[in-house]
Amino acid sequence: MAASDAPAATSGAVPDAVPDATPGAVPPKLLPDAIHRAVRPGTALLRLETTHSRRGVLDGAWWPRSRDLATELPALITALTGHLGPIARVGVDATAWRDIPPRLVIDDQVVHLDSDPVGDDTVLITRGHNDHFALLVVPPDTTADAAREAMARAVRADNITRAAQILIAPTTDPAAGGAAP
């Protein structure tokens, strides 16, 4: 499945448009126009690159609303469980999140959390014993345009760019008090 066919989950789900030959159709590998209208700074948005090859560096992208993992992670895990099945473990960057618990119970399922100060702008989702999905984490204070651009790059099947490199472009809103990385 091409990145443009990947599921999108927001606080109000926005279905992806399917590329076709009609005027105004979404070109392959771009986020649909509906996303541009629905995504506002702080919206949690999940995109998964769902090709069978999984050759890209990243499998998807996530734009959480805050750095509070206990608040943000349940919605992500619920969305992922619907597409991937039960999630056993989540690896996070200890420097990117506040108050990381060792585990959370989400939808009656225990999800173990691993945290290390890796600084790689990703979360590593594990389902089963050894099936990992790496998601780019777009910082919560990122502008909507920069977030859409970063997420679109992350979900491309041919992406070989690491998460930190995708986020190098100015991605925060100076008016909101953020600084570019």
Foldseek 3Di string as FASTA:
>chain_A
DFQQCWFKDKVHGDHGFDADDDPQGDDTLAGHPSLVVPDFQLIWMKTAQDDPVQPAPAGFATEHNAQACLVGVLVVQVVVCVVPNHWAEKEDAPVRHPDDDQWDQHPNHIYGYHYHNPPQQWMWIDDDDDDIGIYHYQYRQFGSVLRSQLRSLRNGSPHHDGNVVSQQPQGGDVVVVDGRD
